[in-house]
Amino acid sequence: MSTITRRAAGSWLPTAAVLAAVCLWGSSFVGTKLALRVFDPFAVIWARMLFSSLLFLAILPRLDRPRYCRGDWRGLLLLVVFLPGLYFPLENTALTLTSASQAGMISAIVPLLVAVGAHFVFGERVTVRGYAGLAAAIVGVVWLTLAAESSLVSAPNPLLGNFLEFLAMLCACGYMLTIKKLSERYGTWMLSGLQCLAGLVFFLPAVFRFESALTSPELTVGIGAVAYLGIVVTLLAFGFYNYGVSRMPASRASAFINLIPVVSVFLGWAILGDSLTVGQYEASVLVMSGVALSQFGARKARIADSK
């Protein structure tokens, strides 16, 4: 491969990897909703960890050994506490209470949280527009929640569900900042696999919650949804994202999270029949406007820093 070709690949591969990851994550809300029709929330977590761990163990012999440094256990522990330890229970419980579309829209605030966090952790620059965008997006999330209408089918308690989804997004922020630091010495697939194995052990008690689902008429759909979540959304998507974030600023990589609400709202409407109220559409516009405002400020900061 020529030098020019290698440079071209090096410029677009991380972007393509992150783009693929967030599109797959956008589909996870619908996949989780389908799985939760059959299985207990914690059973869904354990099953997806099982599928992803089996795939990881299959490719493990092909992976490079990590360069462990003294004290790395703290970062690795923090990584698995954020995700899957706290993130998946919060999100799966949230999706039993709110709709996939609302949860997906709340995920739009992750880039803003990461940008602010990266400022304090890595010294990445955040402009006044960035903070203003964060404030606008959070107001939009609150509005989105208050404008929600309860539905016995898709959103029995959107107020609590959306709050739990917001907490899950805080954990996602912590995960992304931690993975950025650890990726300096650990391969992206190795980190993703370690997360899956940790989740398999941590949520092992959930294996006793499968019995009641064996007679469900939607068992086949539930198993398919869990397999998709475990293999595609968990291991592959996180591997793609970890690869991309290891080769670009954390705030830039997280900006692609903006696509998750678009994917989740569309799939929630197309597959689950979700719908948003007029007030929620207006709140969604405020959320996306806040994200756009912050990213405009972030681009100007990067341009200024490069001069």
C-alpha atoms as a PDB file:
ATOM      1  CA  MET A   1       0.000   0.000   0.000  1.00  0.00           C
ATOM      2  CA  SER A   2       1.387   3.409  -0.965  1.00  0.00           C
ATOM      3  CA  THR A   3       2.000   6.173   1.546  1.00  0.00           C
ATOM      4  CA  ILE A   4      -0.840   8.242   0.064  1.00  0.00           C
ATOM      5  CA  THR A   5      -3.242   5.310   0.298  1.00  0.00           C
ATOM      6  CA  ARG A   6      -2.261   4.623   3.908  1.00  0.00           C
ATOM      7  CA  ARG A   7      -2.799   8.273   4.820  1.00  0.00           C
ATOM      8  CA  ALA A   8      -6.197   8.338   3.124  1.00  0.00           C
ATOM      9  CA  ALA A   9      -7.250   5.175   4.952  1.00  0.00           C
ATOM     10  CA  GLY A  10      -5.963   6.560   8.219  1.00  0.00           C
ATOM     11  CA  SER A  11      -8.109   9.662   7.801  1.00  0.00           C
ATOM     12  CA  TRP A  12     -11.431   8.024   6.990  1.00  0.00           C
ATOM     13  CA  LEU A  13     -11.301   4.681   8.802  1.00  0.00           C
ATOM     14  CA  PRO A  14     -11.702   6.106  12.352  1.00  0.00           C
ATOM     15  CA  THR A  15     -14.569   8.294  11.158  1.00  0.00           C
ATOM     16  CA  ALA A  16     -16.265   5.385   9.391  1.00  0.00           C
ATOM     17  CA  ALA A  17     -15.822   3.187  12.474  1.00  0.00           C
ATOM     18  CA  VAL A  18     -17.411   5.731  14.820  1.00  0.00           C
ATOM     19  CA  LEU A  19     -20.217   6.382  12.309  1.00  0.00           C
ATOM     20  CA  ALA A  20     -20.988   2.656  12.088  1.00  0.00           C
ATOM     21  CA  ALA A  21     -20.934   2.332  15.873  1.00  0.00           C
ATOM     22  CA  VAL A  22     -23.432   5.111  16.558  1.00  0.00           C
ATOM     23  CA  CYS A  23     -25.827   3.856  13.878  1.00  0.00           C
ATOM     24  CA  LEU A  24     -25.777   0.430  15.510  1.00  0.00           C
ATOM     25  CA  TRP A  25     -26.265   2.028  18.932  1.00  0.00           C
ATOM     26  CA  GLY A  26     -29.279   3.891  17.561  1.00  0.00           C
ATOM     27  CA  SER A  27     -30.858   0.539  16.744  1.00  0.00           C
ATOM     28  CA  SER A  28     -30.172  -0.785  20.250  1.00  0.00           C
ATOM     29  CA  PHE A  29     -33.183   0.993  21.756  1.00  0.00           C
ATOM     30  CA  VAL A  30     -35.559  -0.887  19.465  1.00  0.00           C
ATOM     31  CA  GLY A  31     -33.672  -4.156  19.921  1.00  0.00           C
ATOM     32  CA  THR A  32     -33.819  -3.791  23.696  1.00  0.00           C
ATOM     33  CA  LYS A  33     -37.527  -2.996  23.600  1.00  0.00           C
ATOM     34  CA  LEU A  34     -38.162  -6.185  21.618  1.00  0.00           C
ATOM     35  CA  ALA A  35     -36.025  -8.249  24.016  1.00  0.00           C
ATOM     36  CA  LEU A  36     -37.806  -6.776  27.050  1.00  0.00           C
ATOM     37  CA  ARG A  37     -41.129  -8.044  25.731  1.00  0.00           C
ATOM     38  CA  VAL A  38     -39.858 -11.531  26.534  1.00  0.00           C
ATOM     39  CA  PHE A  39     -37.068 -11.321  29.119  1.00  0.00           C
ATOM     40  CA  ASP A  40     -36.414  -9.610  32.447  1.00  0.00           C
ATOM     41  CA  PRO A  41     -34.199  -6.476  32.107  1.00  0.00           C
ATOM     42  CA  PHE A  42     -31.247  -8.083  33.894  1.00  0.00           C
ATOM     43  CA  ALA A  43     -31.671 -11.314  31.942  1.00  0.00           C
ATOM     44  CA  VAL A  44     -31.362  -9.285  28.741  1.00  0.00           C
ATOM     45  CA  ILE A  45     -28.086  -7.786  29.979  1.00  0.00           C
ATOM     46  CA  TRP A  46     -26.614 -11.173  30.897  1.00  0.00           C
ATOM     47  CA  ALA A  47     -27.692 -12.789  27.627  1.00  0.00           C
ATOM     48  CA  ARG A  48     -26.160 -10.034  25.489  1.00  0.00           C
ATOM     49  CA  MET A  49     -22.953 -10.302  27.523  1.00  0.00           C
ATOM     50  CA  LEU A  50     -22.963 -14.058  26.858  1.00  0.00           C
ATOM     51  CA  PHE A  51     -23.247 -13.686  23.088  1.00  0.00           C
ATOM     52  CA  SER A  52     -20.605 -10.957  22.931  1.00  0.00           C
ATOM     53  CA  SER A  53     -18.230 -12.835  25.265  1.00  0.00           C
ATOM     54  CA  LEU A  54     -18.402 -15.987  23.133  1.00  0.00           C
ATOM     55  CA  LEU A  55     -17.483 -13.974  20.055  1.00  0.00           C
ATOM     56  CA  PHE A  56     -14.668 -12.232  21.932  1.00  0.00           C
ATOM     57  CA  LEU A  57     -13.200 -15.531  23.145  1.00  0.00           C
ATOM     58  CA  ALA A  58     -13.293 -16.801  19.559  1.00  0.00           C
ATOM     59  CA  ILE A  59     -11.148 -13.899  18.299  1.00  0.00           C
ATOM     60  CA  LEU A  60      -8.968 -13.579  21.434  1.00  0.00           C
ATOM     61  CA  PRO A  61      -6.023 -15.636  20.042  1.00  0.00           C
ATOM     62  CA  ARG A  62      -5.722 -13.130  17.175  1.00  0.00           C
ATOM     63  CA  LEU A  63      -5.500 -10.065  19.428  1.00  0.00           C
ATOM     64  CA  ASP A  64      -2.294  -8.374  20.587  1.00  0.00           C
ATOM     65  CA  ARG A  65      -1.466  -8.653  24.270  1.00  0.00           C
ATOM     66  CA  PRO A  66      -2.113  -5.412  26.218  1.00  0.00           C
ATOM     67  CA  ARG A  67       0.722  -3.342  27.695  1.00  0.00           C
ATOM     68  CA  TYR A  68      -0.331  -3.333  31.334  1.00  0.00           C
ATOM     69  CA  CYS A  69       1.189  -0.634  33.530  1.00  0.00           C
ATOM     70  CA  ARG A  70       1.114  -0.506  37.294  1.00  0.00           C
ATOM     71  CA  GLY A  71      -2.120   1.039  38.514  1.00  0.00           C
ATOM     72  CA  ASP A  72      -4.063   0.358  35.304  1.00  0.00           C
ATOM     73  CA  TRP A  73      -6.466  -1.804  37.297  1.00  0.00           C
ATOM     74  CA  ARG A  74      -8.090   1.360  38.604  1.00  0.00           C
ATOM     75  CA  GLY A  75      -8.964   2.559  35.114  1.00  0.00           C
ATOM     76  CA  LEU A  76     -10.071  -0.909  34.018  1.00  0.00           C
ATOM     77  CA  LEU A  77     -12.282  -1.218  37.092  1.00  0.00           C
ATOM     78  CA  LEU A  78     -13.773   2.211  36.488  1.00  0.00           C
ATOM     79  CA  LEU A  79     -14.422   1.255  32.866  1.00  0.00           C
ATOM     80  CA  VAL A  80     -16.468  -1.853  33.705  1.00  0.00           C
ATOM     81  CA  VAL A  81     -18.289  -0.071  36.545  1.00  0.00           C
ATOM     82  CA  PHE A  82     -19.471   2.609  34.103  1.00  0.00           C
ATOM     83  CA  LEU A  83     -20.255   0.091  31.380  1.00  0.00           C
ATOM     84  CA  PRO A  84     -21.679  -2.497  31.648  1.00  0.00           C
ATOM     85  CA  GLY A  85     -21.979  -2.226  35.469  1.00  0.00           C
ATOM     86  CA  LEU A  86     -24.211   0.838  35.747  1.00  0.00           C
ATOM     87  CA  TYR A  87     -25.101   1.783  32.186  1.00  0.00           C
ATOM     88  CA  PHE A  88     -27.031  -1.316  31.118  1.00  0.00           C
ATOM     89  CA  PRO A  89     -29.188  -1.694  34.274  1.00  0.00           C
ATOM     90  CA  LEU A  90     -30.108   1.981  34.111  1.00  0.00           C
ATOM     91  CA  GLU A  91     -30.940   1.929  30.403  1.00  0.00           C
ATOM     92  CA  ASN A  92     -32.780  -1.391  30.381  1.00  0.00           C
ATOM     93  CA  THR A  93     -34.907  -0.308  33.337  1.00  0.00           C
ATOM     94  CA  ALA A  94     -35.509   3.045  31.634  1.00  0.00           C
ATOM     95  CA  LEU A  95     -36.758   1.296  28.494  1.00  0.00           C
ATOM     96  CA  THR A  96     -39.403  -0.556  30.520  1.00  0.00           C
ATOM     97  CA  LEU A  97     -40.766   2.845  31.547  1.00  0.00           C
ATOM     98  CA  THR A  98     -40.292   5.131  28.528  1.00  0.00           C
ATOM     99  CA  SER A  99     -40.354   4.810  24.743  1.00  0.00           C
ATOM    100  CA  ALA A 100     -37.383   3.989  22.528  1.00  0.00           C
ATOM    101  CA  SER A 101     -37.813   7.325  20.739  1.00  0.00           C
ATOM    102  CA  GLN A 102     -37.633   9.371  23.946  1.00  0.00           C
ATOM    103  CA  ALA A 103     -34.645   7.423  25.256  1.00  0.00           C
ATOM    104  CA  GLY A 104     -32.857   7.860  21.951  1.00  0.00           C
ATOM    105  CA  MET A 105     -33.458  11.598  21.974  1.00  0.00           C
ATOM    106  CA  ILE A 106     -32.012  11.916  25.482  1.00  0.00           C
ATOM    107  CA  SER A 107     -28.829  10.255  24.223  1.00  0.00           C
ATOM    108  CA  ALA A 108     -28.183  13.414  22.166  1.00  0.00           C
ATOM    109  CA  ILE A 109     -26.710  15.125  25.227  1.00  0.00           C
ATOM    110  CA  VAL A 110     -23.779  12.695  25.440  1.00  0.00           C
ATOM    111  CA  PRO A 111     -21.499  14.715  23.109  1.00  0.00           C
ATOM    112  CA  LEU A 112     -21.972  17.793  25.284  1.00  0.00           C
ATOM    113  CA  LEU A 113     -21.259  15.887  28.480  1.00  0.00           C
ATOM    114  CA  VAL A 114     -18.131  14.366  26.936  1.00  0.00           C
ATOM    115  CA  ALA A 115     -16.930  17.714  25.610  1.00  0.00           C
ATOM    116  CA  VAL A 116     -17.159  19.272  29.076  1.00  0.00           C
ATOM    117  CA  GLY A 117     -15.627  16.201  30.701  1.00  0.00           C
ATOM    118  CA  ALA A 118     -12.770  16.130  28.167  1.00  0.00           C
ATOM    119  CA  HIS A 119     -12.037  19.754  29.026  1.00  0.00           C
ATOM    120  CA  PHE A 120     -11.345  18.865  32.651  1.00  0.00           C
ATOM    121  CA  VAL A 121      -9.720  15.462  32.051  1.00  0.00           C
ATOM    122  CA  PHE A 122      -7.706  15.993  28.858  1.00  0.00           C
ATOM    123  CA  GLY A 123      -7.569  19.782  28.591  1.00  0.00           C
ATOM    124  CA  GLU A 124      -9.623  19.831  25.381  1.00  0.00           C
ATOM    125  CA  ARG A 125     -10.999  23.290  24.768  1.00  0.00           C
ATOM    126  CA  VAL A 126     -14.704  24.106  25.321  1.00  0.00           C
ATOM    127  CA  THR A 127     -16.104  27.463  24.186  1.00  0.00           C
ATOM    128  CA  VAL A 128     -18.886  29.538  25.703  1.00  0.00           C
ATOM    129  CA  ARG A 129     -21.086  28.263  22.874  1.00  0.00           C
ATOM    130  CA  GLY A 130     -20.322  24.738  24.040  1.00  0.00           C
ATOM    131  CA  TYR A 131     -21.571  25.429  27.550  1.00  0.00           C
ATOM    132  CA  ALA A 132     -24.595  27.305  26.179  1.00  0.00           C
ATOM    133  CA  GLY A 133     -25.397  24.342  23.950  1.00  0.00           C
ATOM    134  CA  LEU A 134     -25.141  21.974  26.916  1.00  0.00           C
ATOM    135  CA  ALA A 135     -27.538  24.120  28.939  1.00  0.00           C
ATOM    136  CA  ALA A 136     -30.020  24.304  26.034  1.00  0.00           C
ATOM    137  CA  ALA A 137     -29.880  20.544  25.464  1.00  0.00           C
ATOM    138  CA  ILE A 138     -30.491  19.762  29.146  1.00  0.00           C
ATOM    139  CA  VAL A 139     -33.471  22.131  29.184  1.00  0.00           C
ATOM    140  CA  GLY A 140     -34.726  20.338  26.081  1.00  0.00           C
ATOM    141  CA  VAL A 141     -34.405  16.948  27.793  1.00  0.00           C
ATOM    142  CA  VAL A 142     -36.379  18.218  30.800  1.00  0.00           C
ATOM    143  CA  TRP A 143     -39.032  19.637  28.446  1.00  0.00           C
ATOM    144  CA  LEU A 144     -39.143  16.372  26.500  1.00  0.00           C
ATOM    145  CA  THR A 145     -39.829  14.496  29.720  1.00  0.00           C
ATOM    146  CA  LEU A 146     -42.443  16.885  31.087  1.00  0.00           C
ATOM    147  CA  ALA A 147     -44.288  16.878  27.740  1.00  0.00           C
ATOM    148  CA  ALA A 148     -44.428  13.083  27.652  1.00  0.00           C
ATOM    149  CA  GLU A 149     -47.741  11.266  27.735  1.00  0.00           C
ATOM    150  CA  SER A 150     -47.990   7.958  29.562  1.00  0.00           C
ATOM    151  CA  SER A 151     -48.741   4.872  27.499  1.00  0.00           C
ATOM    152  CA  LEU A 152     -49.364   1.450  29.005  1.00  0.00           C
ATOM    153  CA  VAL A 153     -47.654  -0.110  25.971  1.00  0.00           C
ATOM    154  CA  SER A 154     -44.539   1.968  25.263  1.00  0.00           C
ATOM    155  CA  ALA A 155     -44.119   4.492  28.104  1.00  0.00           C
ATOM    156  CA  PRO A 156     -45.938   3.661  31.383  1.00  0.00           C
ATOM    157  CA  ASN A 157     -43.786   6.079  33.437  1.00  0.00           C
ATOM    158  CA  PRO A 158     -41.816   8.398  31.117  1.00  0.00           C
ATOM    159  CA  LEU A 159     -40.810  10.777  33.926  1.00  0.00           C
ATOM    160  CA  LEU A 160     -38.859   8.113  35.821  1.00  0.00           C
ATOM    161  CA  GLY A 161     -37.763   6.341  32.638  1.00  0.00           C
ATOM    162  CA  ASN A 162     -36.263   9.463  31.096  1.00  0.00           C
ATOM    163  CA  PHE A 163     -34.486  10.326  34.349  1.00  0.00           C
ATOM    164  CA  LEU A 164     -32.901   6.858  34.462  1.00  0.00           C
ATOM    165  CA  GLU A 165     -31.898   7.243  30.810  1.00  0.00           C
ATOM    166  CA  PHE A 166     -30.209  10.549  31.682  1.00  0.00           C
ATOM    167  CA  LEU A 167     -28.239   8.793  34.437  1.00  0.00           C
ATOM    168  CA  ALA A 168     -27.260   6.144  31.901  1.00  0.00           C
ATOM    169  CA  MET A 169     -25.918   8.897  29.643  1.00  0.00           C
ATOM    170  CA  LEU A 170     -23.748  10.198  32.505  1.00  0.00           C
ATOM    171  CA  CYS A 171     -22.286   6.692  32.758  1.00  0.00           C
ATOM    172  CA  ALA A 172     -21.750   6.659  28.989  1.00  0.00           C
ATOM    173  CA  CYS A 173     -19.812   9.902  29.340  1.00  0.00           C
ATOM    174  CA  GLY A 174     -17.605   8.384  32.032  1.00  0.00           C
ATOM    175  CA  TYR A 175     -17.045   5.322  29.852  1.00  0.00           C
ATOM    176  CA  MET A 176     -15.977   7.370  26.831  1.00  0.00           C
ATOM    177  CA  LEU A 177     -13.493   9.440  28.804  1.00  0.00           C
ATOM    178  CA  THR A 178     -12.047   6.336  30.450  1.00  0.00           C
ATOM    179  CA  ILE A 179     -11.740   4.435  27.172  1.00  0.00           C
ATOM    180  CA  LYS A 180      -9.908   7.386  25.637  1.00  0.00           C
ATOM    181  CA  LYS A 181      -7.255   7.151  28.361  1.00  0.00           C
ATOM    182  CA  LEU A 182      -6.915   3.356  28.348  1.00  0.00           C
ATOM    183  CA  SER A 183      -6.725   3.101  24.544  1.00  0.00           C
ATOM    184  CA  GLU A 184      -3.204   4.517  24.725  1.00  0.00           C
ATOM    185  CA  ARG A 185      -1.963   1.062  25.831  1.00  0.00           C
ATOM    186  CA  TYR A 186      -4.817  -1.374  25.235  1.00  0.00           C
ATOM    187  CA  GLY A 187      -6.267  -2.611  21.963  1.00  0.00           C
ATOM    188  CA  THR A 188      -9.813  -1.518  21.261  1.00  0.00           C
ATOM    189  CA  TRP A 189     -11.177  -5.053  20.814  1.00  0.00           C
ATOM    190  CA  MET A 190      -9.399  -6.205  23.961  1.00  0.00           C
ATOM    191  CA  LEU A 191     -11.087  -3.475  26.014  1.00  0.00           C
ATOM    192  CA  SER A 192     -14.479  -4.271  24.510  1.00  0.00           C
ATOM    193  CA  GLY A 193     -14.032  -7.957  25.253  1.00  0.00           C
ATOM    194  CA  LEU A 194     -12.955  -7.324  28.831  1.00  0.00           C
ATOM    195  CA  GLN A 195     -16.121  -5.284  29.344  1.00  0.00           C
ATOM    196  CA  CYS A 196     -18.226  -8.162  28.024  1.00  0.00           C
ATOM    197  CA  LEU A 197     -16.523 -10.754  30.243  1.00  0.00           C
ATOM    198  CA  ALA A 198     -16.889  -8.505  33.286  1.00  0.00           C
ATOM    199  CA  GLY A 199     -20.583  -8.077  32.535  1.00  0.00           C
ATOM    200  CA  LEU A 200     -21.018 -11.835  32.106  1.00  0.00           C
ATOM    201  CA  VAL A 201     -19.691 -12.394  35.621  1.00  0.00           C
ATOM    202  CA  PHE A 202     -21.315  -9.378  37.252  1.00  0.00           C
ATOM    203  CA  PHE A 203     -24.818 -10.169  35.991  1.00  0.00           C
ATOM    204  CA  LEU A 204     -24.560 -13.967  36.406  1.00  0.00           C
ATOM    205  CA  PRO A 205     -27.419 -14.119  38.990  1.00  0.00           C
ATOM    206  CA  ALA A 206     -29.776 -13.004  36.199  1.00  0.00           C
ATOM    207  CA  VAL A 207     -29.455 -16.469  34.636  1.00  0.00           C
ATOM    208  CA  PHE A 208     -32.184 -17.608  37.041  1.00  0.00           C
ATOM    209  CA  ARG A 209     -34.647 -15.129  35.525  1.00  0.00           C
ATOM    210  CA  PHE A 210     -35.029 -16.901  32.163  1.00  0.00           C
ATOM    211  CA  GLU A 211     -37.440 -19.642  33.187  1.00  0.00           C
ATOM    212  CA  SER A 212     -40.595 -17.522  33.036  1.00  0.00           C
ATOM    213  CA  ALA A 213     -39.766 -16.438  29.459  1.00  0.00           C
ATOM    214  CA  LEU A 214     -39.535 -19.946  27.993  1.00  0.00           C
ATOM    215  CA  THR A 215     -43.279 -20.118  27.370  1.00  0.00           C
ATOM    216  CA  SER A 216     -43.539 -16.674  25.747  1.00  0.00           C
ATOM    217  CA  PRO A 217     -45.083 -16.689  22.237  1.00  0.00           C
ATOM    218  CA  GLU A 218     -42.425 -14.135  21.224  1.00  0.00           C
ATOM    219  CA  LEU A 219     -39.491 -16.238  22.461  1.00  0.00           C
ATOM    220  CA  THR A 220     -37.896 -16.492  19.006  1.00  0.00           C
ATOM    221  CA  VAL A 221     -38.061 -12.716  18.530  1.00  0.00           C
ATOM    222  CA  GLY A 222     -36.612 -12.192  22.006  1.00  0.00           C
ATOM    223  CA  ILE A 223     -33.673 -14.542  21.389  1.00  0.00           C
ATOM    224  CA  GLY A 224     -32.963 -12.909  18.042  1.00  0.00           C
ATOM    225  CA  ALA A 225     -33.054  -9.459  19.632  1.00  0.00           C
ATOM    226  CA  VAL A 226     -30.675 -10.498  22.421  1.00  0.00           C
ATOM    227  CA  ALA A 227     -28.265 -12.110  19.942  1.00  0.00           C
ATOM    228  CA  TYR A 228     -28.279  -8.917  17.873  1.00  0.00           C
ATOM    229  CA  LEU A 229     -27.662  -6.807  20.986  1.00  0.00           C
ATOM    230  CA  GLY A 230     -24.832  -9.032  22.157  1.00  0.00           C
ATOM    231  CA  ILE A 231     -22.926  -9.626  18.931  1.00  0.00           C
ATOM    232  CA  VAL A 232     -23.615  -6.529  16.857  1.00  0.00           C
ATOM    233  CA  VAL A 233     -24.495  -3.740  19.288  1.00  0.00           C
ATOM    234  CA  THR A 234     -22.278  -4.720  22.222  1.00  0.00           C
ATOM    235  CA  LEU A 235     -19.021  -6.174  20.888  1.00  0.00           C
ATOM    236  CA  LEU A 236     -18.877  -4.936  17.290  1.00  0.00           C
ATOM    237  CA  ALA A 237     -20.275  -1.444  17.882  1.00  0.00           C
ATOM    238  CA  PHE A 238     -18.172  -0.799  20.980  1.00  0.00           C
ATOM    239  CA  GLY A 239     -15.134  -2.180  19.177  1.00  0.00           C
ATOM    240  CA  PHE A 240     -15.736   0.195  16.274  1.00  0.00           C
ATOM    241  CA  TYR A 241     -16.191   3.140  18.609  1.00  0.00           C
ATOM    242  CA  ASN A 242     -13.159   2.290  20.726  1.00  0.00           C
ATOM    243  CA  TYR A 243     -11.060   2.096  17.550  1.00  0.00           C
ATOM    244  CA  GLY A 244     -12.270   5.484  16.355  1.00  0.00           C
ATOM    245  CA  VAL A 245     -11.958   7.307  19.677  1.00  0.00           C
ATOM    246  CA  SER A 246      -8.389   6.054  20.078  1.00  0.00           C
ATOM    247  CA  ARG A 247      -7.477   7.967  16.898  1.00  0.00           C
ATOM    248  CA  MET A 248      -9.338  11.267  17.315  1.00  0.00           C
ATOM    249  CA  PRO A 249     -10.211  13.761  20.097  1.00  0.00           C
ATOM    250  CA  ALA A 250     -12.861  12.468  22.506  1.00  0.00           C
ATOM    251  CA  SER A 251     -15.095  15.493  21.896  1.00  0.00           C
ATOM    252  CA  ARG A 252     -14.970  14.966  18.122  1.00  0.00           C
ATOM    253  CA  ALA A 253     -15.756  11.259  18.342  1.00  0.00           C
ATOM    254  CA  SER A 254     -18.662  11.872  20.703  1.00  0.00           C
ATOM    255  CA  ALA A 255     -20.166  14.389  18.266  1.00  0.00           C
ATOM    256  CA  PHE A 256     -21.298  11.469  16.106  1.00  0.00           C
ATOM    257  CA  ILE A 257     -23.630  10.463  18.948  1.00  0.00           C
ATOM    258  CA  ASN A 258     -25.906  13.154  17.487  1.00  0.00           C
ATOM    259  CA  LEU A 259     -27.036  10.562  14.941  1.00  0.00           C
ATOM    260  CA  ILE A 260     -28.380   8.157  17.568  1.00  0.00           C
ATOM    261  CA  PRO A 261     -31.654  10.069  18.169  1.00  0.00           C
ATOM    262  CA  VAL A 262     -32.324  10.207  14.428  1.00  0.00           C
ATOM    263  CA  VAL A 263     -31.828   6.451  14.045  1.00  0.00           C
ATOM    264  CA  SER A 264     -33.738   5.561  17.229  1.00  0.00           C
ATOM    265  CA  VAL A 265     -36.726   7.820  16.502  1.00  0.00           C
ATOM    266  CA  PHE A 266     -37.016   6.508  12.936  1.00  0.00           C
ATOM    267  CA  LEU A 267     -36.737   2.842  13.938  1.00  0.00           C
ATOM    268  CA  GLY A 268     -39.028   3.376  16.933  1.00  0.00           C
ATOM    269  CA  TRP A 269     -41.674   4.730  14.556  1.00  0.00           C
ATOM    270  CA  ALA A 270     -41.086   2.157  11.798  1.00  0.00           C
ATOM    271  CA  ILE A 271     -40.840  -0.984  13.959  1.00  0.00           C
ATOM    272  CA  LEU A 272     -42.529  -0.241  17.300  1.00  0.00           C
ATOM    273  CA  GLY A 273     -45.060   2.380  16.261  1.00  0.00           C
ATOM    274  CA  ASP A 274     -43.689   4.979  18.698  1.00  0.00           C
ATOM    275  CA  SER A 275     -44.815   8.575  18.371  1.00  0.00           C
ATOM    276  CA  LEU A 276     -43.903  11.885  19.998  1.00  0.00           C
ATOM    277  CA  THR A 277     -46.286  14.634  21.065  1.00  0.00           C
ATOM    278  CA  VAL A 278     -46.120  18.108  19.505  1.00  0.00           C
ATOM    279  CA  GLY A 279     -44.448  19.405  22.663  1.00  0.00           C
ATOM    280  CA  GLN A 280     -41.886  16.610  22.511  1.00  0.00           C
ATOM    281  CA  TYR A 281     -41.056  17.388  18.891  1.00  0.00           C
ATOM    282  CA  GLU A 282     -40.484  21.015  19.933  1.00  0.00           C
ATOM    283  CA  ALA A 283     -38.325  19.846  22.851  1.00  0.00           C
ATOM    284  CA  SER A 284     -36.384  17.587  20.481  1.00  0.00           C
ATOM    285  CA  VAL A 285     -35.637  20.567  18.264  1.00  0.00           C
ATOM    286  CA  LEU A 286     -34.241  22.389  21.313  1.00  0.00           C
ATOM    287  CA  VAL A 287     -32.067  19.369  22.217  1.00  0.00           C
ATOM    288  CA  MET A 288     -30.652  19.081  18.703  1.00  0.00           C
ATOM    289  CA  SER A 289     -30.193  22.863  18.465  1.00  0.00           C
ATOM    290  CA  GLY A 290     -28.186  22.825  21.679  1.00  0.00           C
ATOM    291  CA  VAL A 291     -26.025  20.016  20.313  1.00  0.00           C
ATOM    292  CA  ALA A 292     -25.535  21.855  17.001  1.00  0.00           C
ATOM    293  CA  LEU A 293     -24.625  25.069  18.828  1.00  0.00           C
ATOM    294  CA  SER A 294     -22.026  23.301  20.937  1.00  0.00           C
ATOM    295  CA  GLN A 295     -20.505  21.529  17.938  1.00  0.00           C
ATOM    296  CA  PHE A 296     -20.280  24.794  15.985  1.00  0.00           C
ATOM    297  CA  GLY A 297     -18.347  26.260  18.872  1.00  0.00           C
ATOM    298  CA  ALA A 298     -16.176  23.158  19.105  1.00  0.00           C
ATOM    299  CA  ARG A 299     -15.260  23.336  15.408  1.00  0.00           C
ATOM    300  CA  LYS A 300     -14.255  26.979  15.726  1.00  0.00           C
ATOM    301  CA  ALA A 301     -12.106  26.109  18.724  1.00  0.00           C
ATOM    302  CA  ARG A 302     -10.347  23.329  16.805  1.00  0.00           C
ATOM    303  CA  ILE A 303      -9.717  25.657  13.861  1.00  0.00           C
ATOM    304  CA  ALA A 304      -8.289  28.307  16.190  1.00  0.00           C
ATOM    305  CA  ASP A 305      -6.073  25.753  17.923  1.00  0.00           C
ATOM    306  CA  SER A 306      -4.686  24.528  14.598  1.00  0.00           C
ATOM    307  CA  LYS A 307      -3.499  27.982  13.522  1.00  0.00           C
END
